[in-house]
């Protein structure tokens, strides 16, 4: 539809953006301390199609969300090629998948945003020492910018061992608390 009927497609995205803005507003009114727009397919778009279709819809959604001081996270997986454009979405925090180093994301967005991410979810399929090393590498790469929300660079994989998730959480807790 994006190619065969772009006008209808743009109107559909506007309708969806409005519905999602209402949904996020209700989440915030119900006590959410942050909300996230997960733009799953943005990463497959060319920069031109992203700026023509997805970005205006994301902007509309974020602008129409009644959020007071609640931060909005915008995450477009596999969209490193769209990072500069995504930084004009109106979001407070940009999610970054594991394919784009956090230092590069900070540099390309002039350090104006908090970042979320970006541990490769496949790292959790490795041994505990690898999970620890990769987690610490992500934390180190986050740098001294305006904030970092540690997260996977996408969703957790179905075969991820619980022990690896526990190692990730323990590594983070030890980093925040300091060594025991």
N, C-alpha and C. Protein backbone atom coordinates (compact mmCIF):
# COMPACT_ATOMS: atom_id res chain seq x y z
N UNK A 1 0.83 -1.19 0.00
CA UNK A 1 0.00 0.00 0.00
C UNK A 1 0.88 1.25 0.00
N UNK A 2 2.03 1.19 0.67
CA UNK A 2 2.91 2.35 0.72
C UNK A 2 3.30 2.80 -0.69
N UNK A 3 3.49 1.84 -1.58
CA UNK A 3 3.89 2.15 -2.96
C UNK A 3 2.68 2.28 -3.88
N UNK A 4 1.69 1.39 -3.71
CA UNK A 4 0.57 1.38 -4.64
C UNK A 4 -0.48 2.45 -4.36
N UNK A 5 -0.61 2.85 -3.10
CA UNK A 5 -1.60 3.87 -2.74
C UNK A 5 -1.08 4.70 -1.57
N UNK A 6 -0.06 5.53 -1.81
CA UNK A 6 0.60 6.24 -0.72
C UNK A 6 -0.32 7.19 0.05
N UNK A 7 -1.32 7.76 -0.60
CA UNK A 7 -2.23 8.66 0.10
C UNK A 7 -3.05 7.93 1.15
N UNK A 8 -3.60 6.80 0.77
CA UNK A 8 -4.37 5.99 1.72
C UNK A 8 -3.45 5.48 2.83
N UNK A 9 -2.24 5.08 2.46
CA UNK A 9 -1.29 4.58 3.45
C UNK A 9 -0.96 5.66 4.48
N UNK A 10 -0.74 6.88 4.03
CA UNK A 10 -0.43 7.99 4.94
C UNK A 10 -1.61 8.25 5.88
N UNK A 11 -2.83 8.20 5.35
CA UNK A 11 -4.02 8.41 6.19
C UNK A 11 -4.17 7.28 7.21
N UNK A 12 -3.86 6.05 6.81
CA UNK A 12 -3.90 4.92 7.73
C UNK A 12 -2.90 5.13 8.87
N UNK A 13 -1.70 5.55 8.53
CA UNK A 13 -0.68 5.80 9.56
C UNK A 13 -1.12 6.92 10.50
N UNK A 14 -1.77 7.95 9.98
CA UNK A 14 -2.28 9.02 10.84
C UNK A 14 -3.32 8.48 11.82
N UNK A 15 -4.22 7.65 11.32
CA UNK A 15 -5.26 7.06 12.16
C UNK A 15 -4.64 6.18 13.25
N UNK A 16 -3.67 5.37 12.86
CA UNK A 16 -2.99 4.51 13.84
C UNK A 16 -2.21 5.34 14.86
N UNK A 17 -1.56 6.40 14.40
CA UNK A 17 -0.82 7.27 15.32
C UNK A 17 -1.76 7.89 16.34
N UNK A 18 -2.92 8.35 15.90
CA UNK A 18 -3.89 8.93 16.82
C UNK A 18 -4.38 7.90 17.84
N UNK A 19 -4.66 6.69 17.37
CA UNK A 19 -5.12 5.64 18.28
C UNK A 19 -4.03 5.29 19.29
N UNK A 20 -2.80 5.20 18.84
CA UNK A 20 -1.70 4.87 19.75
C UNK A 20 -1.40 6.01 20.71
N UNK A 21 -1.60 7.25 20.28
CA UNK A 21 -1.42 8.39 21.20
C UNK A 21 -2.45 8.31 22.32
N UNK A 22 -3.68 7.97 21.97
CA UNK A 22 -4.72 7.80 23.00
C UNK A 22 -4.33 6.68 23.96
N UNK A 23 -3.81 5.58 23.42
CA UNK A 23 -3.41 4.44 24.23
C UNK A 23 -2.26 4.81 25.17
N UNK A 24 -1.24 5.49 24.66
CA UNK A 24 -0.13 5.89 25.52
C UNK A 24 -0.58 6.90 26.57
N UNK A 25 -1.47 7.79 26.20
CA UNK A 25 -2.00 8.75 27.16
C UNK A 25 -2.72 8.02 28.30
N UNK A 26 -3.48 6.99 27.97
CA UNK A 26 -4.17 6.21 29.00
C UNK A 26 -3.16 5.48 29.89
N UNK A 27 -2.09 4.98 29.30
CA UNK A 27 -1.05 4.33 30.11
C UNK A 27 -0.45 5.33 31.10
N UNK A 28 -0.18 6.52 30.63
CA UNK A 28 0.41 7.56 31.49
C UNK A 28 -0.57 7.95 32.59
N UNK A 29 -1.83 8.14 32.23
CA UNK A 29 -2.84 8.49 33.24
C UNK A 29 -3.02 7.37 34.28
N UNK A 30 -2.66 6.15 33.88
CA UNK A 30 -2.77 5.00 34.79
C UNK A 30 -1.50 4.78 35.60
N UNK A 31 -0.52 5.68 35.43
CA UNK A 31 0.66 5.61 36.28
C UNK A 31 1.96 5.22 35.60
N UNK A 32 1.97 5.01 34.30
CA UNK A 32 3.23 4.67 33.63
C UNK A 32 4.24 5.79 33.84
N UNK A 33 5.46 5.43 34.16
CA UNK A 33 6.52 6.41 34.40
C UNK A 33 7.34 6.68 33.15
N UNK A 34 7.14 5.87 32.13
CA UNK A 34 7.74 6.06 30.81
C UNK A 34 6.92 5.22 29.84
N UNK A 35 6.92 5.62 28.58
CA UNK A 35 6.26 4.84 27.55
C UNK A 35 7.21 4.70 26.37
N UNK A 36 7.00 3.64 25.59
CA UNK A 36 7.88 3.39 24.46
C UNK A 36 7.09 3.17 23.19
N UNK A 37 7.54 3.82 22.13
CA UNK A 37 7.02 3.59 20.79
C UNK A 37 8.00 2.63 20.13
N UNK A 38 7.52 1.45 19.79
CA UNK A 38 8.35 0.41 19.20
C UNK A 38 8.01 0.36 17.72
N UNK A 39 8.80 1.02 16.90
CA UNK A 39 8.55 1.15 15.46
C UNK A 39 9.22 0.00 14.72
N UNK A 40 8.60 -1.17 14.81
CA UNK A 40 9.21 -2.44 14.41
C UNK A 40 9.74 -2.49 12.99
N UNK A 41 9.07 -1.86 12.05
CA UNK A 41 9.44 -2.02 10.65
C UNK A 41 10.19 -0.82 10.07
N UNK A 42 10.45 0.19 10.87
CA UNK A 42 11.14 1.37 10.35
C UNK A 42 12.49 1.02 9.76
N UNK A 43 13.19 0.06 10.36
CA UNK A 43 14.53 -0.29 9.92
C UNK A 43 14.62 -0.87 8.53
N UNK A 44 13.50 -1.34 8.00
CA UNK A 44 13.54 -1.90 6.63
C UNK A 44 13.29 -0.83 5.57
N UNK A 45 12.97 0.38 6.02
CA UNK A 45 12.66 1.45 5.07
C UNK A 45 13.92 2.18 4.62
N UNK A 46 13.84 2.72 3.43
CA UNK A 46 14.90 3.61 2.96
C UNK A 46 14.77 4.93 3.72
N UNK A 47 15.83 5.73 3.76
CA UNK A 47 15.70 7.04 4.42
C UNK A 47 14.56 7.88 3.84
N UNK A 48 14.38 7.85 2.52
CA UNK A 48 13.30 8.64 1.92
C UNK A 48 11.92 8.16 2.36
N UNK A 49 11.69 6.85 2.32
CA UNK A 49 10.39 6.32 2.74
C UNK A 49 10.16 6.53 4.23
N UNK A 50 11.20 6.41 5.03
CA UNK A 50 11.08 6.66 6.46
C UNK A 50 10.64 8.11 6.70
N UNK A 51 11.30 9.05 6.04
CA UNK A 51 10.96 10.46 6.26
C UNK A 51 9.61 10.82 5.67
N UNK A 52 9.18 10.10 4.67
CA UNK A 52 7.88 10.40 4.05
C UNK A 52 6.72 9.79 4.83
N UNK A 53 6.92 8.59 5.39
CA UNK A 53 5.79 7.88 6.00
C UNK A 53 5.95 7.63 7.50
N UNK A 54 6.98 6.93 7.90
CA UNK A 54 7.09 6.49 9.30
C UNK A 54 7.38 7.64 10.25
N UNK A 55 8.30 8.51 9.90
CA UNK A 55 8.67 9.60 10.79
C UNK A 55 7.50 10.56 11.06
N UNK A 56 6.74 10.97 10.04
CA UNK A 56 5.59 11.83 10.35
C UNK A 56 4.57 11.15 11.28
N UNK A 57 4.39 9.84 11.11
CA UNK A 57 3.46 9.12 11.99
C UNK A 57 4.01 9.07 13.41
N UNK A 58 5.31 8.83 13.56
CA UNK A 58 5.92 8.80 14.89
C UNK A 58 5.82 10.18 15.55
N UNK A 59 6.10 11.21 14.79
CA UNK A 59 5.99 12.57 15.33
C UNK A 59 4.57 12.86 15.79
N UNK A 60 3.61 12.51 14.97
CA UNK A 60 2.20 12.74 15.29
C UNK A 60 1.83 12.01 16.58
N UNK A 61 2.23 10.74 16.68
CA UNK A 61 1.94 9.94 17.86
C UNK A 61 2.53 10.60 19.11
N UNK A 62 3.79 10.98 19.04
CA UNK A 62 4.48 11.56 20.20
C UNK A 62 3.89 12.93 20.55
N UNK A 63 3.64 13.76 19.54
CA UNK A 63 3.07 15.09 19.79
C UNK A 63 1.69 15.02 20.42
N UNK A 64 0.90 14.04 20.03
CA UNK A 64 -0.48 13.94 20.51
C UNK A 64 -0.62 13.18 21.83
N UNK A 65 0.46 12.58 22.29
CA UNK A 65 0.42 11.89 23.58
C UNK A 65 0.49 12.92 24.69
N UNK A 66 -0.51 12.89 25.57
CA UNK A 66 -0.53 13.80 26.72
C UNK A 66 0.37 13.19 27.78
N UNK A 67 1.55 13.78 27.95
CA UNK A 67 2.55 13.10 28.76
C UNK A 67 3.11 13.90 29.91
N UNK A 68 2.79 15.16 30.04
CA UNK A 68 3.37 15.98 31.10
C UNK A 68 4.88 15.80 31.09
N UNK A 69 5.45 15.23 32.14
CA UNK A 69 6.90 15.05 32.19
C UNK A 69 7.31 13.60 31.99
N UNK A 70 6.38 12.75 31.57
CA UNK A 70 6.69 11.33 31.36
C UNK A 70 7.50 11.18 30.06
N UNK A 71 8.67 10.56 30.14
CA UNK A 71 9.49 10.43 28.94
C UNK A 71 8.93 9.42 27.95
N UNK A 72 9.15 9.72 26.67
CA UNK A 72 8.79 8.83 25.58
C UNK A 72 10.09 8.29 24.98
N UNK A 73 10.14 6.97 24.88
CA UNK A 73 11.27 6.28 24.24
C UNK A 73 10.82 5.90 22.84
N UNK A 74 11.66 6.18 21.85
CA UNK A 74 11.36 5.78 20.47
C UNK A 74 12.41 4.78 20.04
N UNK A 75 11.95 3.58 19.68
CA UNK A 75 12.87 2.51 19.29
C UNK A 75 12.50 1.99 17.92
N UNK A 76 13.43 2.12 17.00
CA UNK A 76 13.29 1.59 15.65
C UNK A 76 14.43 0.60 15.44
N UNK A 77 14.19 -0.71 15.62
CA UNK A 77 15.27 -1.68 15.50
C UNK A 77 15.85 -1.74 14.09
N UNK A 78 17.14 -2.02 14.03
CA UNK A 78 17.87 -2.15 12.76
C UNK A 78 17.78 -0.88 11.93
N UNK A 79 17.74 0.27 12.60
CA UNK A 79 17.54 1.53 11.91
C UNK A 79 18.70 2.50 12.14
N UNK A 80 19.90 1.98 12.25
CA UNK A 80 21.05 2.85 12.43
C UNK A 80 21.18 3.87 11.31
N UNK A 81 20.75 3.50 10.12
CA UNK A 81 20.81 4.41 8.98
C UNK A 81 19.79 5.55 9.08
N UNK A 82 18.92 5.48 10.08
CA UNK A 82 17.86 6.49 10.25
C UNK A 82 18.02 7.29 11.53
N UNK A 83 19.12 7.11 12.23
CA UNK A 83 19.29 7.68 13.56
C UNK A 83 19.13 9.20 13.59
N UNK A 84 19.76 9.91 12.68
CA UNK A 84 19.64 11.37 12.67
C UNK A 84 18.19 11.79 12.44
N UNK A 85 17.52 11.14 11.52
CA UNK A 85 16.11 11.48 11.27
C UNK A 85 15.26 11.13 12.49
N UNK A 86 15.49 9.98 13.09
CA UNK A 86 14.72 9.56 14.27
C UNK A 86 14.89 10.54 15.42
N UNK A 87 16.02 11.22 15.46
CA UNK A 87 16.24 12.18 16.55
C UNK A 87 15.31 13.39 16.45
N UNK A 88 14.59 13.52 15.34
CA UNK A 88 13.61 14.60 15.21
C UNK A 88 12.18 14.12 15.46
N UNK A 89 12.05 12.94 16.07
CA UNK A 89 10.72 12.35 16.30
C UNK A 89 9.96 13.03 17.44
N UNK A 90 10.67 13.74 18.30
CA UNK A 90 10.04 14.33 19.47
C UNK A 90 10.21 13.49 20.72
N UNK A 91 10.86 12.34 20.59
CA UNK A 91 11.09 11.46 21.74
C UNK A 91 12.16 12.04 22.65
N UNK A 92 12.14 11.60 23.90
CA UNK A 92 13.13 12.02 24.88
C UNK A 92 14.32 11.08 24.91
N UNK A 93 14.08 9.82 24.59
CA UNK A 93 15.10 8.78 24.63
C UNK A 93 15.01 8.01 23.32
N UNK A 94 16.16 7.66 22.76
CA UNK A 94 16.20 6.86 21.54
C UNK A 94 16.72 5.47 21.88
N UNK A 95 15.94 4.46 21.51
CA UNK A 95 16.40 3.08 21.63
C UNK A 95 17.37 2.79 20.49
N UNK A 96 18.41 2.05 20.81
CA UNK A 96 19.45 1.74 19.83
C UNK A 96 19.67 0.24 19.83
N UNK A 97 19.51 -0.41 18.67
CA UNK A 97 19.75 -1.85 18.63
C UNK A 97 21.26 -2.10 18.66
N UNK A 98 21.63 -3.35 18.81
CA UNK A 98 23.04 -3.70 19.00
C UNK A 98 23.90 -3.44 17.78
N UNK A 99 23.31 -3.17 16.64
CA UNK A 99 24.08 -2.96 15.42
C UNK A 99 24.75 -1.58 15.36
N UNK A 100 24.30 -0.66 16.20
CA UNK A 100 24.87 0.69 16.24
C UNK A 100 25.51 0.90 17.61
N UNK A 101 26.81 1.09 17.67
CA UNK A 101 27.46 1.34 18.96
C UNK A 101 26.89 2.59 19.63
N UNK A 102 26.74 2.53 20.96
CA UNK A 102 26.16 3.66 21.68
C UNK A 102 26.99 4.94 21.53
N UNK A 103 28.32 4.81 21.51
CA UNK A 103 29.16 5.99 21.32
C UNK A 103 28.89 6.66 19.98
N UNK A 104 28.71 5.84 18.96
CA UNK A 104 28.37 6.38 17.64
C UNK A 104 27.00 7.06 17.66
N UNK A 105 26.03 6.43 18.34
CA UNK A 105 24.69 7.02 18.44
C UNK A 105 24.76 8.36 19.16
N UNK A 106 25.55 8.45 20.22
CA UNK A 106 25.70 9.73 20.94
C UNK A 106 26.29 10.79 20.03
N UNK A 107 27.31 10.41 19.30
CA UNK A 107 27.98 11.36 18.42
C UNK A 107 27.03 11.83 17.31
N UNK A 108 26.31 10.90 16.71
CA UNK A 108 25.43 11.24 15.59
C UNK A 108 24.20 12.03 16.01
N UNK A 109 23.85 11.98 17.29
CA UNK A 109 22.72 12.77 17.79
C UNK A 109 23.20 13.92 18.66
N UNK A 110 24.45 14.25 18.56
CA UNK A 110 25.07 15.37 19.28
C UNK A 110 24.88 15.27 20.79
N UNK A 111 24.74 14.06 21.31
CA UNK A 111 24.62 13.87 22.75
C UNK A 111 23.37 14.48 23.36
N UNK A 112 22.33 14.72 22.56
CA UNK A 112 21.13 15.41 23.05
C UNK A 112 20.10 14.48 23.67
N UNK A 113 20.31 13.18 23.59
CA UNK A 113 19.28 12.23 24.02
C UNK A 113 19.82 11.23 25.01
N UNK A 114 18.93 10.79 25.90
CA UNK A 114 19.21 9.56 26.61
C UNK A 114 19.11 8.43 25.60
N UNK A 115 19.85 7.37 25.85
CA UNK A 115 19.82 6.23 24.95
C UNK A 115 19.37 4.99 25.71
N UNK A 116 18.73 4.09 24.99
CA UNK A 116 18.32 2.81 25.57
C UNK A 116 18.94 1.70 24.75
N UNK A 117 19.48 0.71 25.41
CA UNK A 117 20.02 -0.45 24.70
C UNK A 117 21.43 -0.70 25.19
N UNK A 118 22.18 -1.40 24.53
CA UNK A 118 21.96 -2.08 23.30
C UNK A 118 22.69 -3.40 23.24
N UNK A 119 22.52 -4.20 24.28
CA UNK A 119 23.14 -5.52 24.33
C UNK A 119 22.52 -6.43 23.29
N UNK A 120 23.35 -7.06 22.49
CA UNK A 120 22.90 -8.03 21.50
C UNK A 120 22.18 -9.16 22.23
N UNK A 121 20.92 -9.44 21.91
CA UNK A 121 20.21 -10.51 22.62
C UNK A 121 20.87 -11.87 22.47
N UNK A 122 21.64 -12.05 21.41
CA UNK A 122 22.35 -13.31 21.22
C UNK A 122 23.44 -13.51 22.26
N UNK A 123 23.91 -12.43 22.87
CA UNK A 123 24.93 -12.53 23.92
C UNK A 123 24.44 -13.38 25.08
N UNK A 124 23.14 -13.39 25.30
CA UNK A 124 22.59 -14.16 26.41
C UNK A 124 22.56 -15.66 26.12
N UNK A 125 22.96 -16.05 24.93
CA UNK A 125 23.05 -17.47 24.60
C UNK A 125 24.43 -18.02 24.93
N UNK A 126 25.35 -17.13 25.34
CA UNK A 126 26.72 -17.54 25.65
C UNK A 126 26.91 -17.87 27.12
N UNK A 127 28.14 -18.24 27.45
CA UNK A 127 28.45 -18.55 28.86
C UNK A 127 28.41 -17.29 29.73
N UNK A 128 28.32 -17.49 31.03
CA UNK A 128 28.17 -16.40 31.98
C UNK A 128 29.27 -15.35 31.83
N UNK A 129 30.53 -15.78 31.64
CA UNK A 129 31.61 -14.79 31.54
C UNK A 129 31.45 -13.91 30.31
N UNK A 130 30.89 -14.46 29.24
CA UNK A 130 30.65 -13.66 28.03
C UNK A 130 29.50 -12.68 28.25
N UNK A 131 28.44 -13.13 28.93
CA UNK A 131 27.32 -12.25 29.26
C UNK A 131 27.82 -11.08 30.09
N UNK A 132 28.63 -11.37 31.11
CA UNK A 132 29.18 -10.30 31.96
C UNK A 132 30.04 -9.33 31.14
N UNK A 133 30.93 -9.88 30.34
CA UNK A 133 31.84 -9.02 29.56
C UNK A 133 31.08 -8.13 28.59
N UNK A 134 30.11 -8.68 27.91
CA UNK A 134 29.35 -7.88 26.94
C UNK A 134 28.46 -6.85 27.63
N UNK A 135 27.90 -7.21 28.78
CA UNK A 135 27.09 -6.25 29.54
C UNK A 135 27.95 -5.07 29.98
N UNK A 136 29.12 -5.37 30.51
CA UNK A 136 30.02 -4.30 30.95
C UNK A 136 30.48 -3.45 29.78
N UNK A 137 30.68 -4.07 28.62
CA UNK A 137 31.09 -3.30 27.43
C UNK A 137 30.00 -2.32 27.00
N UNK A 138 28.74 -2.75 27.08
CA UNK A 138 27.63 -1.83 26.74
C UNK A 138 27.60 -0.68 27.73
N UNK A 139 27.71 -0.99 29.01
CA UNK A 139 27.69 0.08 30.02
C UNK A 139 28.84 1.06 29.80
N UNK A 140 30.00 0.56 29.46
CA UNK A 140 31.16 1.43 29.20
C UNK A 140 30.92 2.29 27.96
N UNK A 141 30.33 1.69 26.93
CA UNK A 141 30.12 2.43 25.68
C UNK A 141 29.05 3.51 25.81
N UNK A 142 28.19 3.41 26.85
CA UNK A 142 27.14 4.42 27.04
C UNK A 142 27.73 5.79 27.31
N UNK A 143 28.91 5.84 27.88
CA UNK A 143 29.59 7.12 28.08
C UNK A 143 28.91 8.00 29.10
N UNK A 144 29.23 9.28 29.00
CA UNK A 144 28.78 10.27 29.99
C UNK A 144 27.65 11.15 29.47
N UNK A 145 26.88 10.65 28.53
CA UNK A 145 25.81 11.46 27.95
C UNK A 145 24.67 11.69 28.93
N UNK A 146 23.54 12.17 28.43
CA UNK A 146 22.44 12.58 29.30
C UNK A 146 21.67 11.44 29.94
N UNK A 147 22.05 10.21 29.74
CA UNK A 147 21.36 9.10 30.39
C UNK A 147 21.45 7.84 29.56
N UNK A 148 21.30 6.71 30.24
CA UNK A 148 21.32 5.43 29.55
C UNK A 148 20.40 4.47 30.28
N UNK A 149 19.52 3.84 29.54
CA UNK A 149 18.66 2.78 30.05
C UNK A 149 19.24 1.48 29.51
N UNK A 150 19.83 0.69 30.39
CA UNK A 150 20.40 -0.58 29.95
C UNK A 150 19.27 -1.50 29.51
N UNK A 151 19.46 -2.10 28.35
CA UNK A 151 18.45 -2.98 27.81
C UNK A 151 19.09 -3.82 26.73
N UNK A 152 18.36 -4.81 26.29
CA UNK A 152 18.79 -5.54 25.11
C UNK A 152 18.57 -4.63 23.90
N UNK A 153 19.28 -4.92 22.83
CA UNK A 153 19.11 -4.15 21.61
C UNK A 153 17.93 -4.64 20.80
N UNK A 154 17.14 -5.50 21.35
CA UNK A 154 15.88 -5.99 20.81
C UNK A 154 15.34 -6.96 21.83
N UNK A 155 14.29 -7.70 21.52
CA UNK A 155 13.65 -8.57 22.50
C UNK A 155 14.49 -9.78 22.87
N UNK A 156 14.12 -10.38 23.97
CA UNK A 156 14.81 -11.58 24.43
C UNK A 156 14.43 -12.75 23.53
N UNK A 157 15.39 -13.58 23.21
CA UNK A 157 15.15 -14.71 22.31
C UNK A 157 14.49 -15.86 23.08
N UNK A 158 13.65 -16.64 22.40
CA UNK A 158 12.91 -17.71 23.09
C UNK A 158 13.80 -18.74 23.80
N UNK A 159 14.96 -19.04 23.24
CA UNK A 159 15.82 -20.08 23.82
C UNK A 159 16.81 -19.53 24.84
N UNK A 160 16.64 -18.29 25.26
CA UNK A 160 17.57 -17.68 26.21
C UNK A 160 17.47 -18.39 27.56
N UNK A 161 18.60 -18.88 28.06
CA UNK A 161 18.57 -19.53 29.38
C UNK A 161 18.30 -18.51 30.49
N UNK A 162 17.48 -18.89 31.44
CA UNK A 162 17.19 -18.03 32.59
C UNK A 162 18.49 -17.66 33.30
N UNK A 163 19.44 -18.60 33.38
CA UNK A 163 20.71 -18.33 34.05
C UNK A 163 21.44 -17.15 33.41
N UNK A 164 21.32 -16.99 32.11
CA UNK A 164 21.97 -15.85 31.44
C UNK A 164 21.30 -14.54 31.80
N UNK A 165 19.98 -14.55 31.91
CA UNK A 165 19.26 -13.35 32.34
C UNK A 165 19.66 -13.01 33.77
N UNK A 166 19.78 -14.01 34.61
CA UNK A 166 20.21 -13.77 35.99
C UNK A 166 21.61 -13.18 36.03
N UNK A 167 22.51 -13.67 35.17
CA UNK A 167 23.86 -13.13 35.11
C UNK A 167 23.83 -11.67 34.68
N UNK A 168 23.01 -11.35 33.69
CA UNK A 168 22.86 -9.96 33.24
C UNK A 168 22.40 -9.07 34.41
N UNK A 169 21.35 -9.49 35.10
CA UNK A 169 20.81 -8.69 36.20
C UNK A 169 21.82 -8.57 37.33
N UNK A 170 22.49 -9.65 37.67
CA UNK A 170 23.50 -9.61 38.74
C UNK A 170 24.65 -8.68 38.36
N UNK A 171 25.06 -8.71 37.09
CA UNK A 171 26.15 -7.83 36.63
C UNK A 171 25.73 -6.38 36.75
N UNK A 172 24.52 -6.08 36.35
CA UNK A 172 24.01 -4.71 36.47
C UNK A 172 23.91 -4.28 37.93
N UNK A 173 23.39 -5.15 38.77
CA UNK A 173 23.25 -4.81 40.19
C UNK A 173 24.62 -4.57 40.82
N UNK A 174 25.60 -5.38 40.48
CA UNK A 174 26.94 -5.21 41.03
C UNK A 174 27.58 -3.91 40.53
N UNK A 175 27.27 -3.53 39.32
CA UNK A 175 27.82 -2.30 38.75
C UNK A 175 27.24 -1.07 39.44
N UNK A 176 25.94 -1.13 39.73
CA UNK A 176 25.26 -0.01 40.40
C UNK A 176 25.69 0.09 41.86
N UNK A 177 25.73 -1.05 42.53
CA UNK A 177 26.11 -1.09 43.96
C UNK A 177 27.60 -0.98 44.17
N UNK A 178 28.35 -1.49 43.21
CA UNK A 178 29.79 -1.61 43.40
C UNK A 178 30.11 -3.01 43.91
N UNK A 179 31.38 -3.38 43.90
CA UNK A 179 31.75 -4.73 44.33
C UNK A 179 31.36 -4.97 45.79
N UNK A 180 30.98 -6.21 46.07
CA UNK A 180 30.58 -6.58 47.44
C UNK A 180 31.79 -6.71 48.35
